[in-house]
């Protein structure tokens, strides 16, 4: 049985604290008031820190993935992260993805992500070619937005701040399902392992 195939869209992620979600929701509300159209905003309750995107997997592999997640989790002690600024991909003149940055114990986060990557490679999931860039997606700029409005979005993201959110503890990793709907993605936990 191969790692990918028709089935369900899955990824491995770290959950956020309610305080962190609240702060992200406040930031999104402010951005919506400044940019009322042209951006598809993420529901703050669905924001997560992705460690590994698995793609479409066979549902029969869920238990294998959860077992494989135990190895990186068992070798990692809990650590803390916090919100750290706002940014855009690819740049502020032509933003496509709007995100919140992550700070805190980055060595622990990067080590955990690499261990997850290696564990999933053992199940025939291809290794990610891009470098790990931890971020929390807040919104995606629609293709129909004008160049002037697009630059305004980039400028607003460079001026906004995320002060006031407390650090959150990372004490587990979660296997998540992403179900794409016309109203946006709906996320469901398929299981988790503790650090």
N, C-alpha and C. Protein backbone atom coordinates (compact mmCIF):
# COMPACT_ATOMS: atom_id res chain seq x y z
N UNK A 1 0.85 -1.18 0.00
CA UNK A 1 0.00 0.00 0.00
C UNK A 1 0.89 1.24 0.00
N UNK A 2 0.61 2.19 -0.86
CA UNK A 2 1.43 3.39 -0.95
C UNK A 2 0.93 4.46 0.01
N UNK A 3 1.81 5.43 0.27
CA UNK A 3 1.48 6.49 1.21
C UNK A 3 0.39 7.40 0.68
N UNK A 4 0.46 7.73 -0.61
CA UNK A 4 -0.53 8.65 -1.13
C UNK A 4 -1.53 7.90 -2.00
N UNK A 5 -2.63 8.55 -2.25
CA UNK A 5 -3.67 7.95 -3.07
C UNK A 5 -5.00 8.55 -2.68
N UNK A 6 -6.05 8.14 -3.40
CA UNK A 6 -7.37 8.68 -3.11
C UNK A 6 -7.74 8.38 -1.68
N UNK A 7 -8.39 9.29 -1.06
CA UNK A 7 -8.78 9.09 0.33
C UNK A 7 -9.03 10.40 1.01
N UNK A 8 -8.22 10.72 1.98
CA UNK A 8 -8.44 11.95 2.72
C UNK A 8 -7.18 12.80 2.73
N UNK A 9 -7.39 14.10 2.75
CA UNK A 9 -6.30 15.08 2.74
C UNK A 9 -5.84 15.26 4.18
N UNK A 10 -4.54 15.02 4.44
CA UNK A 10 -4.07 14.99 5.82
C UNK A 10 -2.75 15.75 5.99
N UNK A 11 -2.52 16.17 7.23
CA UNK A 11 -1.27 16.83 7.58
C UNK A 11 -1.02 16.66 9.07
N UNK A 12 0.22 16.90 9.49
CA UNK A 12 0.60 16.81 10.90
C UNK A 12 0.86 18.23 11.38
N UNK A 13 0.29 18.58 12.55
CA UNK A 13 0.35 19.97 12.99
C UNK A 13 0.44 20.09 14.50
N UNK A 14 0.76 21.32 14.91
CA UNK A 14 0.73 21.72 16.32
C UNK A 14 -0.48 22.62 16.50
N UNK A 15 -1.24 22.37 17.57
CA UNK A 15 -2.39 23.22 17.89
C UNK A 15 -1.94 24.48 18.61
N UNK A 16 -2.77 25.50 18.56
CA UNK A 16 -2.51 26.77 19.22
C UNK A 16 -3.34 26.88 20.50
N UNK A 17 -2.93 27.76 21.38
CA UNK A 17 -3.74 28.04 22.58
C UNK A 17 -4.94 28.91 22.19
N UNK A 18 -5.94 28.94 23.06
CA UNK A 18 -7.11 29.79 22.83
C UNK A 18 -6.71 31.26 22.85
N UNK A 19 -5.76 31.65 23.71
CA UNK A 19 -5.31 33.04 23.74
C UNK A 19 -4.66 33.43 22.41
N UNK A 20 -3.88 32.53 21.85
CA UNK A 20 -3.24 32.79 20.56
C UNK A 20 -4.28 32.92 19.47
N UNK A 21 -5.29 32.04 19.47
CA UNK A 21 -6.37 32.13 18.48
C UNK A 21 -7.14 33.45 18.62
N UNK A 22 -7.36 33.85 19.87
CA UNK A 22 -8.07 35.11 20.12
C UNK A 22 -7.30 36.28 19.52
N UNK A 23 -6.01 36.30 19.74
CA UNK A 23 -5.17 37.40 19.23
C UNK A 23 -5.16 37.39 17.70
N UNK A 24 -5.10 36.20 17.10
CA UNK A 24 -5.14 36.11 15.64
C UNK A 24 -6.50 36.56 15.11
N UNK A 25 -7.57 36.21 15.81
CA UNK A 25 -8.92 36.64 15.40
C UNK A 25 -9.02 38.16 15.44
N UNK A 26 -8.45 38.80 16.47
CA UNK A 26 -8.46 40.26 16.54
C UNK A 26 -7.71 40.88 15.37
N UNK A 27 -6.58 40.28 15.02
CA UNK A 27 -5.79 40.79 13.89
C UNK A 27 -6.56 40.64 12.58
N UNK A 28 -7.21 39.50 12.39
CA UNK A 28 -7.99 39.29 11.17
C UNK A 28 -9.15 40.28 11.10
N UNK A 29 -9.84 40.50 12.23
CA UNK A 29 -10.95 41.47 12.24
C UNK A 29 -10.46 42.86 11.85
N UNK A 30 -9.32 43.27 12.38
CA UNK A 30 -8.76 44.57 12.03
C UNK A 30 -8.44 44.63 10.53
N UNK A 31 -7.84 43.56 10.01
CA UNK A 31 -7.50 43.55 8.58
C UNK A 31 -8.75 43.59 7.71
N UNK A 32 -9.79 42.88 8.11
CA UNK A 32 -11.05 42.89 7.35
C UNK A 32 -11.63 44.30 7.32
N UNK A 33 -11.52 45.04 8.43
CA UNK A 33 -12.04 46.41 8.45
C UNK A 33 -11.24 47.32 7.53
N UNK A 34 -9.96 47.02 7.35
CA UNK A 34 -9.09 47.82 6.48
C UNK A 34 -9.15 47.36 5.03
N UNK A 35 -9.38 46.07 4.81
CA UNK A 35 -9.42 45.47 3.47
C UNK A 35 -10.70 44.64 3.38
N UNK A 36 -11.84 45.30 3.07
CA UNK A 36 -13.12 44.59 3.13
C UNK A 36 -13.33 43.55 2.04
N UNK A 37 -12.52 43.57 0.98
CA UNK A 37 -12.70 42.56 -0.08
C UNK A 37 -11.35 42.24 -0.71
N UNK A 38 -11.32 41.12 -1.42
CA UNK A 38 -10.11 40.74 -2.14
C UNK A 38 -9.21 39.76 -1.42
N UNK A 39 -9.56 39.42 -0.16
CA UNK A 39 -8.78 38.46 0.60
C UNK A 39 -9.73 37.39 1.15
N UNK A 40 -9.33 36.14 1.00
CA UNK A 40 -10.10 35.03 1.61
C UNK A 40 -9.45 34.75 2.96
N UNK A 41 -10.14 35.12 4.04
CA UNK A 41 -9.59 35.00 5.39
C UNK A 41 -9.81 33.61 5.96
N UNK A 42 -8.88 33.17 6.77
CA UNK A 42 -8.96 31.86 7.42
C UNK A 42 -9.77 32.00 8.70
N UNK A 43 -10.59 31.00 9.02
CA UNK A 43 -11.29 30.96 10.29
C UNK A 43 -10.26 30.75 11.39
N UNK A 44 -10.17 31.66 12.37
CA UNK A 44 -9.14 31.53 13.42
C UNK A 44 -9.19 30.19 14.15
N UNK A 45 -10.36 29.57 14.25
CA UNK A 45 -10.45 28.28 14.93
C UNK A 45 -9.74 27.17 14.15
N UNK A 46 -9.50 27.39 12.86
CA UNK A 46 -8.83 26.38 12.05
C UNK A 46 -7.34 26.63 11.85
N UNK A 47 -6.82 27.69 12.46
CA UNK A 47 -5.39 28.00 12.26
C UNK A 47 -4.55 27.04 13.09
N UNK A 48 -3.50 26.54 12.48
CA UNK A 48 -2.61 25.56 13.10
C UNK A 48 -1.21 25.75 12.53
N UNK A 49 -0.23 25.16 13.16
CA UNK A 49 1.15 25.21 12.68
C UNK A 49 1.48 23.87 12.04
N UNK A 50 1.55 23.85 10.72
CA UNK A 50 1.79 22.61 9.99
C UNK A 50 3.26 22.20 10.08
N UNK A 51 3.48 20.94 10.46
CA UNK A 51 4.82 20.37 10.48
C UNK A 51 5.10 19.56 9.21
N UNK A 52 4.06 18.88 8.70
CA UNK A 52 4.24 18.04 7.51
C UNK A 52 2.90 17.89 6.81
N UNK A 53 2.84 18.30 5.54
CA UNK A 53 1.66 18.09 4.72
C UNK A 53 1.80 16.72 4.07
N UNK A 54 0.82 15.85 4.26
CA UNK A 54 0.88 14.49 3.72
C UNK A 54 0.17 14.36 2.38
N UNK A 55 -0.80 15.24 2.11
CA UNK A 55 -1.57 15.15 0.87
C UNK A 55 -2.72 14.18 1.03
N UNK A 56 -3.18 13.65 -0.08
CA UNK A 56 -4.28 12.68 -0.05
C UNK A 56 -3.73 11.31 0.33
N UNK A 57 -4.24 10.78 1.44
CA UNK A 57 -3.75 9.48 1.90
C UNK A 57 -4.89 8.47 1.97
N UNK A 58 -4.51 7.22 1.88
CA UNK A 58 -5.45 6.13 2.04
C UNK A 58 -5.87 6.08 3.51
N UNK A 59 -7.17 6.07 3.82
CA UNK A 59 -7.61 6.03 5.22
C UNK A 59 -7.03 4.84 6.00
N UNK A 60 -6.68 3.77 5.30
CA UNK A 60 -6.10 2.60 5.97
C UNK A 60 -4.73 2.92 6.59
N UNK A 61 -4.12 4.02 6.20
CA UNK A 61 -2.79 4.39 6.73
C UNK A 61 -2.84 5.23 8.00
N UNK A 62 -4.01 5.63 8.43
CA UNK A 62 -4.11 6.52 9.59
C UNK A 62 -3.39 5.95 10.81
N UNK A 63 -3.64 4.71 11.13
CA UNK A 63 -3.00 4.11 12.32
C UNK A 63 -1.49 3.99 12.14
N UNK A 64 -1.03 3.69 10.91
CA UNK A 64 0.42 3.64 10.66
C UNK A 64 1.06 5.00 10.87
N UNK A 65 0.39 6.05 10.40
CA UNK A 65 0.93 7.41 10.57
C UNK A 65 0.98 7.77 12.05
N UNK A 66 -0.09 7.47 12.78
CA UNK A 66 -0.12 7.77 14.21
C UNK A 66 0.98 7.01 14.96
N UNK A 67 1.21 5.75 14.60
CA UNK A 67 2.30 4.98 15.23
C UNK A 67 3.65 5.61 14.91
N UNK A 68 3.84 6.02 13.66
CA UNK A 68 5.12 6.62 13.25
C UNK A 68 5.34 7.96 13.94
N UNK A 69 4.26 8.69 14.27
CA UNK A 69 4.38 9.97 14.95
C UNK A 69 4.90 9.82 16.38
N UNK A 70 4.75 8.63 16.96
CA UNK A 70 5.18 8.41 18.35
C UNK A 70 6.69 8.55 18.50
N UNK A 71 7.45 8.15 17.47
CA UNK A 71 8.91 8.22 17.58
C UNK A 71 9.40 9.67 17.74
N UNK A 72 9.04 10.60 16.85
CA UNK A 72 9.51 11.97 17.04
C UNK A 72 8.97 12.60 18.32
N UNK A 73 7.74 12.25 18.69
CA UNK A 73 7.13 12.84 19.88
C UNK A 73 7.81 12.34 21.15
N UNK A 74 8.16 11.05 21.20
CA UNK A 74 8.74 10.50 22.43
C UNK A 74 10.14 11.05 22.70
N UNK A 75 10.84 11.50 21.66
CA UNK A 75 12.17 12.05 21.85
C UNK A 75 12.20 13.55 22.02
N UNK A 76 11.03 14.17 22.24
CA UNK A 76 10.94 15.63 22.33
C UNK A 76 10.26 16.01 23.63
N UNK A 77 10.86 16.96 24.35
CA UNK A 77 10.22 17.47 25.57
C UNK A 77 9.33 18.65 25.19
N UNK A 78 8.26 18.90 25.96
CA UNK A 78 7.41 20.05 25.66
C UNK A 78 8.22 21.35 25.63
N UNK A 79 7.77 22.29 24.80
CA UNK A 79 8.45 23.58 24.67
C UNK A 79 7.41 24.66 24.42
N UNK A 80 7.85 25.90 24.30
CA UNK A 80 6.91 27.00 24.12
C UNK A 80 7.18 27.76 22.82
N UNK A 81 6.09 28.25 22.25
CA UNK A 81 6.15 29.12 21.07
C UNK A 81 5.33 30.37 21.37
N UNK A 82 5.53 31.39 20.54
CA UNK A 82 4.71 32.60 20.67
C UNK A 82 4.57 33.24 19.28
N UNK A 83 3.60 34.14 19.15
CA UNK A 83 3.42 34.88 17.91
C UNK A 83 4.59 35.85 17.75
N UNK A 84 5.02 36.02 16.50
CA UNK A 84 6.19 36.86 16.26
C UNK A 84 6.06 37.59 14.93
N UNK A 85 5.25 38.65 14.92
CA UNK A 85 5.14 39.49 13.74
C UNK A 85 4.22 38.96 12.66
N UNK A 86 4.04 39.79 11.65
CA UNK A 86 3.20 39.46 10.50
C UNK A 86 4.02 39.55 9.23
N UNK A 87 3.63 38.82 8.23
CA UNK A 87 4.35 38.88 6.96
C UNK A 87 3.50 38.37 5.82
N UNK A 88 4.11 38.36 4.65
CA UNK A 88 3.42 37.92 3.43
C UNK A 88 4.37 37.07 2.59
N UNK A 89 3.79 36.20 1.80
CA UNK A 89 4.54 35.49 0.75
C UNK A 89 3.97 35.96 -0.58
N UNK A 90 4.70 36.22 -1.64
CA UNK A 90 6.16 36.19 -1.66
C UNK A 90 6.80 37.51 -1.22
N UNK A 91 6.09 38.67 -1.38
CA UNK A 91 6.66 39.95 -0.95
C UNK A 91 5.53 40.97 -0.77
N UNK A 92 5.83 42.13 -0.15
CA UNK A 92 4.76 43.08 0.19
C UNK A 92 4.17 43.78 -1.04
N UNK A 93 4.87 43.80 -2.16
CA UNK A 93 4.31 44.42 -3.37
C UNK A 93 3.31 43.50 -4.07
N UNK A 94 3.51 42.20 -3.92
CA UNK A 94 2.62 41.22 -4.56
C UNK A 94 2.23 40.11 -3.58
N UNK A 95 1.61 40.46 -2.45
CA UNK A 95 1.29 39.42 -1.47
C UNK A 95 0.25 38.44 -1.99
N UNK A 96 0.47 37.19 -1.68
CA UNK A 96 -0.50 36.15 -2.02
C UNK A 96 -1.00 35.46 -0.74
N UNK A 97 -0.09 35.22 0.19
CA UNK A 97 -0.44 34.58 1.46
C UNK A 97 -0.07 35.54 2.59
N UNK A 98 -1.02 35.76 3.52
CA UNK A 98 -0.81 36.62 4.67
C UNK A 98 -0.63 35.72 5.89
N UNK A 99 0.41 35.97 6.67
CA UNK A 99 0.69 35.04 7.77
C UNK A 99 1.17 35.75 9.02
N UNK A 100 1.06 35.02 10.14
CA UNK A 100 1.64 35.43 11.41
C UNK A 100 2.88 34.57 11.64
N UNK A 101 3.94 35.22 12.11
CA UNK A 101 5.17 34.50 12.38
C UNK A 101 5.14 33.80 13.72
N UNK A 102 6.08 32.88 13.89
CA UNK A 102 6.19 32.09 15.11
C UNK A 102 7.58 32.27 15.68
N UNK A 103 7.67 32.49 16.98
CA UNK A 103 8.94 32.59 17.69
C UNK A 103 8.91 31.68 18.90
N UNK A 104 9.96 31.73 19.68
CA UNK A 104 10.04 30.89 20.87
C UNK A 104 11.19 29.92 20.74
N UNK A 105 10.99 28.70 21.20
CA UNK A 105 12.06 27.70 21.15
C UNK A 105 12.13 27.11 19.74
N UNK A 106 12.75 27.87 18.84
CA UNK A 106 12.80 27.48 17.43
C UNK A 106 13.69 26.25 17.21
N UNK A 107 14.72 26.07 18.03
CA UNK A 107 15.56 24.87 17.89
C UNK A 107 14.73 23.62 18.13
N UNK A 108 13.91 23.63 19.19
CA UNK A 108 13.05 22.48 19.49
C UNK A 108 12.02 22.27 18.38
N UNK A 109 11.44 23.37 17.88
CA UNK A 109 10.44 23.26 16.81
C UNK A 109 11.07 22.67 15.55
N UNK A 110 12.22 23.18 15.15
CA UNK A 110 12.87 22.68 13.93
C UNK A 110 13.31 21.23 14.08
N UNK A 111 13.78 20.86 15.27
CA UNK A 111 14.17 19.47 15.50
C UNK A 111 12.95 18.55 15.43
N UNK A 112 11.84 18.97 16.02
CA UNK A 112 10.61 18.17 15.96
C UNK A 112 10.14 18.02 14.52
N UNK A 113 10.14 19.11 13.78
CA UNK A 113 9.69 19.05 12.38
C UNK A 113 10.57 18.09 11.58
N UNK A 114 11.88 18.14 11.78
CA UNK A 114 12.79 17.25 11.06
C UNK A 114 12.54 15.79 11.44
N UNK A 115 12.27 15.52 12.71
CA UNK A 115 11.98 14.15 13.15
C UNK A 115 10.67 13.65 12.54
N UNK A 116 9.67 14.54 12.47
CA UNK A 116 8.40 14.17 11.83
C UNK A 116 8.63 13.87 10.35
N UNK A 117 9.42 14.72 9.70
CA UNK A 117 9.74 14.53 8.27
C UNK A 117 10.39 13.16 8.06
N UNK A 118 11.37 12.82 8.89
CA UNK A 118 12.06 11.54 8.77
C UNK A 118 11.13 10.36 9.03
N UNK A 119 10.26 10.49 10.04
CA UNK A 119 9.32 9.40 10.35
C UNK A 119 8.35 9.17 9.20
N UNK A 120 7.90 10.25 8.57
CA UNK A 120 6.96 10.10 7.46
C UNK A 120 7.66 9.59 6.20
N UNK A 121 8.92 9.92 6.05
CA UNK A 121 9.70 9.39 4.92
C UNK A 121 9.78 7.86 5.04
N UNK A 122 9.82 7.37 6.27
CA UNK A 122 9.82 5.92 6.50
C UNK A 122 8.53 5.24 6.07
N UNK A 123 7.47 6.03 5.89
CA UNK A 123 6.19 5.51 5.39
C UNK A 123 5.98 5.86 3.91
N UNK A 124 7.05 6.23 3.24
CA UNK A 124 7.04 6.55 1.80
C UNK A 124 6.36 7.87 1.45
N UNK A 125 6.25 8.79 2.43
CA UNK A 125 5.81 10.13 2.09
C UNK A 125 7.05 10.91 1.66
N UNK A 126 7.02 11.55 0.50
CA UNK A 126 8.22 12.26 0.03
C UNK A 126 8.62 13.39 0.98
N UNK A 127 9.92 13.57 1.10
CA UNK A 127 10.47 14.64 1.92
C UNK A 127 10.17 15.98 1.26
N UNK A 128 9.80 16.97 2.07
CA UNK A 128 9.52 18.32 1.56
C UNK A 128 10.82 18.92 1.01
N UNK A 129 10.74 19.47 -0.18
CA UNK A 129 11.94 20.05 -0.81
C UNK A 129 12.26 21.45 -0.31
N UNK A 130 11.21 22.19 0.07
CA UNK A 130 11.43 23.55 0.56
C UNK A 130 11.85 23.50 2.03
N UNK A 131 12.63 24.50 2.42
CA UNK A 131 13.03 24.60 3.82
C UNK A 131 11.79 24.86 4.68
N UNK A 132 11.80 24.36 5.89
CA UNK A 132 10.71 24.57 6.84
C UNK A 132 10.62 26.05 7.18
N UNK A 133 9.45 26.64 6.98
CA UNK A 133 9.23 28.06 7.24
C UNK A 133 7.99 28.18 8.14
N UNK A 134 8.16 28.05 9.46
CA UNK A 134 6.99 28.03 10.34
C UNK A 134 6.20 29.34 10.29
N UNK A 135 4.91 29.21 10.02
CA UNK A 135 4.03 30.38 9.96
C UNK A 135 2.59 29.92 10.14
N UNK A 136 1.72 30.86 10.43
CA UNK A 136 0.29 30.61 10.62
C UNK A 136 -0.45 31.41 9.56
N UNK A 137 -1.06 30.72 8.61
CA UNK A 137 -1.75 31.40 7.51
C UNK A 137 -3.01 32.09 8.01
N UNK A 138 -3.11 33.39 7.71
CA UNK A 138 -4.28 34.19 8.10
C UNK A 138 -5.24 34.42 6.93
N UNK A 139 -4.71 34.50 5.73
CA UNK A 139 -5.56 34.76 4.58
C UNK A 139 -4.79 34.59 3.28
N UNK A 140 -5.56 34.52 2.19
CA UNK A 140 -4.97 34.40 0.85
C UNK A 140 -5.57 35.49 -0.03
N UNK A 141 -4.70 36.24 -0.68
CA UNK A 141 -5.15 37.33 -1.55
C UNK A 141 -5.69 36.71 -2.83
N UNK A 142 -6.88 37.12 -3.22
CA UNK A 142 -7.52 36.57 -4.42
C UNK A 142 -6.88 37.13 -5.68
N UNK A 143 -6.89 36.35 -6.74
CA UNK A 143 -6.29 36.76 -8.01
C UNK A 143 -6.98 37.97 -8.61
N UNK A 144 -8.24 38.19 -8.27
CA UNK A 144 -9.02 39.27 -8.89
C UNK A 144 -8.76 40.64 -8.28
N UNK A 145 -7.99 40.73 -7.22
CA UNK A 145 -7.74 42.01 -6.56
C UNK A 145 -6.82 42.87 -7.44
N UNK A 146 -7.06 44.17 -7.44
CA UNK A 146 -6.24 45.08 -8.26
C UNK A 146 -4.82 45.17 -7.70
N UNK A 147 -3.89 45.62 -8.54
CA UNK A 147 -2.49 45.77 -8.10
C UNK A 147 -2.37 46.79 -6.98
N UNK A 148 -3.16 47.88 -7.05
CA UNK A 148 -3.13 48.90 -6.00
C UNK A 148 -3.63 48.32 -4.68
N UNK A 149 -4.75 47.61 -4.72
CA UNK A 149 -5.30 46.99 -3.51
C UNK A 149 -4.34 45.94 -2.95
N UNK A 150 -3.70 45.19 -3.84
CA UNK A 150 -2.73 44.17 -3.42
C UNK A 150 -1.58 44.82 -2.65
N UNK A 151 -1.07 45.95 -3.18
CA UNK A 151 0.03 46.64 -2.49
C UNK A 151 -0.44 47.21 -1.15
N UNK A 152 -1.69 47.66 -1.09
CA UNK A 152 -2.24 48.16 0.18
C UNK A 152 -2.26 47.05 1.22
N UNK A 153 -2.67 45.85 0.82
CA UNK A 153 -2.68 44.71 1.74
C UNK A 153 -1.27 44.44 2.26
N UNK A 154 -0.30 44.43 1.36
CA UNK A 154 1.09 44.21 1.78
C UNK A 154 1.57 45.26 2.75
N UNK A 155 1.22 46.53 2.48
CA UNK A 155 1.62 47.61 3.37
C UNK A 155 0.99 47.50 4.74
N UNK A 156 -0.30 47.13 4.79
CA UNK A 156 -0.97 46.97 6.07
C UNK A 156 -0.35 45.84 6.89
N UNK A 157 0.00 44.75 6.23
CA UNK A 157 0.62 43.63 6.94
C UNK A 157 1.97 44.02 7.51
N UNK A 158 2.69 44.89 6.81
CA UNK A 158 4.00 45.30 7.31
C UNK A 158 3.89 46.29 8.48
N UNK A 159 2.72 46.95 8.64
CA UNK A 159 2.52 47.93 9.70
C UNK A 159 1.88 47.34 10.95
N UNK A 160 1.14 46.26 10.81
CA UNK A 160 0.37 45.69 11.93
C UNK A 160 1.30 44.99 12.92
N UNK A 161 0.79 44.78 14.13
CA UNK A 161 1.59 44.12 15.15
C UNK A 161 0.76 43.05 15.85
N UNK A 162 1.43 42.15 16.53
CA UNK A 162 0.76 41.07 17.25
C UNK A 162 1.10 41.10 18.73
N UNK A 163 1.29 42.26 19.29
CA UNK A 163 1.61 42.36 20.71
C UNK A 163 0.46 41.85 21.55
N UNK A 164 0.80 41.31 22.71
CA UNK A 164 -0.23 40.97 23.68
C UNK A 164 -0.60 39.51 23.79
N UNK A 165 -0.07 38.64 22.95
CA UNK A 165 -0.41 37.22 23.06
C UNK A 165 0.64 36.51 23.91
N UNK A 166 0.18 35.71 24.85
CA UNK A 166 1.09 34.95 25.70
C UNK A 166 1.68 33.78 24.92
N UNK A 167 2.85 33.28 25.35
CA UNK A 167 3.39 32.06 24.74
C UNK A 167 2.42 30.89 24.96
N UNK A 168 2.48 29.92 24.08
CA UNK A 168 1.65 28.73 24.28
C UNK A 168 2.54 27.50 24.35
N UNK A 169 2.11 26.51 25.16
CA UNK A 169 2.91 25.29 25.30
C UNK A 169 2.66 24.34 24.14
N UNK A 170 3.72 23.73 23.68
CA UNK A 170 3.63 22.68 22.66
C UNK A 170 3.89 21.38 23.41
N UNK A 171 2.83 20.58 23.56
CA UNK A 171 2.98 19.32 24.28
C UNK A 171 2.42 18.13 23.52
N UNK A 172 2.18 18.32 22.22
CA UNK A 172 1.69 17.22 21.40
C UNK A 172 1.68 17.59 19.93
N UNK A 173 1.56 16.57 19.09
CA UNK A 173 1.39 16.78 17.65
C UNK A 173 0.14 16.02 17.22
N UNK A 174 -0.53 16.57 16.22
CA UNK A 174 -1.84 16.08 15.82
C UNK A 174 -1.85 15.70 14.34
N UNK A 175 -2.49 14.58 14.04
CA UNK A 175 -2.77 14.20 12.66
C UNK A 175 -4.13 14.80 12.32
N UNK A 176 -4.15 15.67 11.31
CA UNK A 176 -5.35 16.41 10.97
C UNK A 176 -5.86 16.04 9.58
N UNK A 177 -7.17 16.11 9.45
CA UNK A 177 -7.82 15.95 8.14
C UNK A 177 -8.30 17.31 7.70
N UNK A 178 -8.10 17.62 6.42
CA UNK A 178 -8.58 18.86 5.83
C UNK A 178 -9.64 18.51 4.80
N UNK A 179 -10.85 18.98 5.02
CA UNK A 179 -11.94 18.75 4.08
C UNK A 179 -12.27 20.08 3.42
N UNK A 180 -11.98 20.19 2.13
CA UNK A 180 -12.20 21.44 1.41
C UNK A 180 -13.67 21.59 1.04
N UNK A 181 -14.27 22.73 1.42
CA UNK A 181 -15.67 23.02 1.12
C UNK A 181 -15.73 24.39 0.43
N UNK A 182 -16.86 24.74 -0.17
CA UNK A 182 -16.99 26.07 -0.79
C UNK A 182 -16.79 27.21 0.20
N UNK A 183 -17.04 26.95 1.49
CA UNK A 183 -16.88 27.98 2.52
C UNK A 183 -15.49 27.98 3.15
N UNK A 184 -14.59 27.16 2.65
CA UNK A 184 -13.24 27.05 3.22
C UNK A 184 -12.99 25.65 3.76
N UNK A 185 -11.79 25.44 4.26
CA UNK A 185 -11.41 24.13 4.77
C UNK A 185 -12.00 23.90 6.15
N UNK A 186 -12.41 22.65 6.39
CA UNK A 186 -12.87 22.22 7.70
C UNK A 186 -11.86 21.19 8.21
N UNK A 187 -11.35 21.40 9.43
CA UNK A 187 -10.30 20.55 9.97
C UNK A 187 -10.83 19.65 11.06
N UNK A 188 -10.41 18.39 11.02
CA UNK A 188 -10.81 17.39 12.01
C UNK A 188 -9.57 16.66 12.49
N UNK A 189 -9.47 16.46 13.79
CA UNK A 189 -8.35 15.70 14.33
C UNK A 189 -8.59 14.21 14.13
N UNK A 190 -7.58 13.51 13.61
CA UNK A 190 -7.66 12.07 13.44
C UNK A 190 -6.93 11.33 14.55
N UNK A 191 -6.26 12.09 15.41
CA UNK A 191 -5.52 11.51 16.52
C UNK A 191 -4.33 12.38 16.86
N UNK A 192 -3.72 12.11 18.01
CA UNK A 192 -2.57 12.90 18.43
C UNK A 192 -1.65 12.06 19.27
N UNK A 193 -0.42 12.55 19.43
CA UNK A 193 0.56 11.93 20.32
C UNK A 193 1.15 13.02 21.19
N UNK A 194 1.43 12.69 22.44
CA UNK A 194 1.98 13.66 23.38
C UNK A 194 3.50 13.68 23.33
N UNK A 195 4.08 14.85 23.59
CA UNK A 195 5.53 14.95 23.70
C UNK A 195 5.96 14.47 25.08
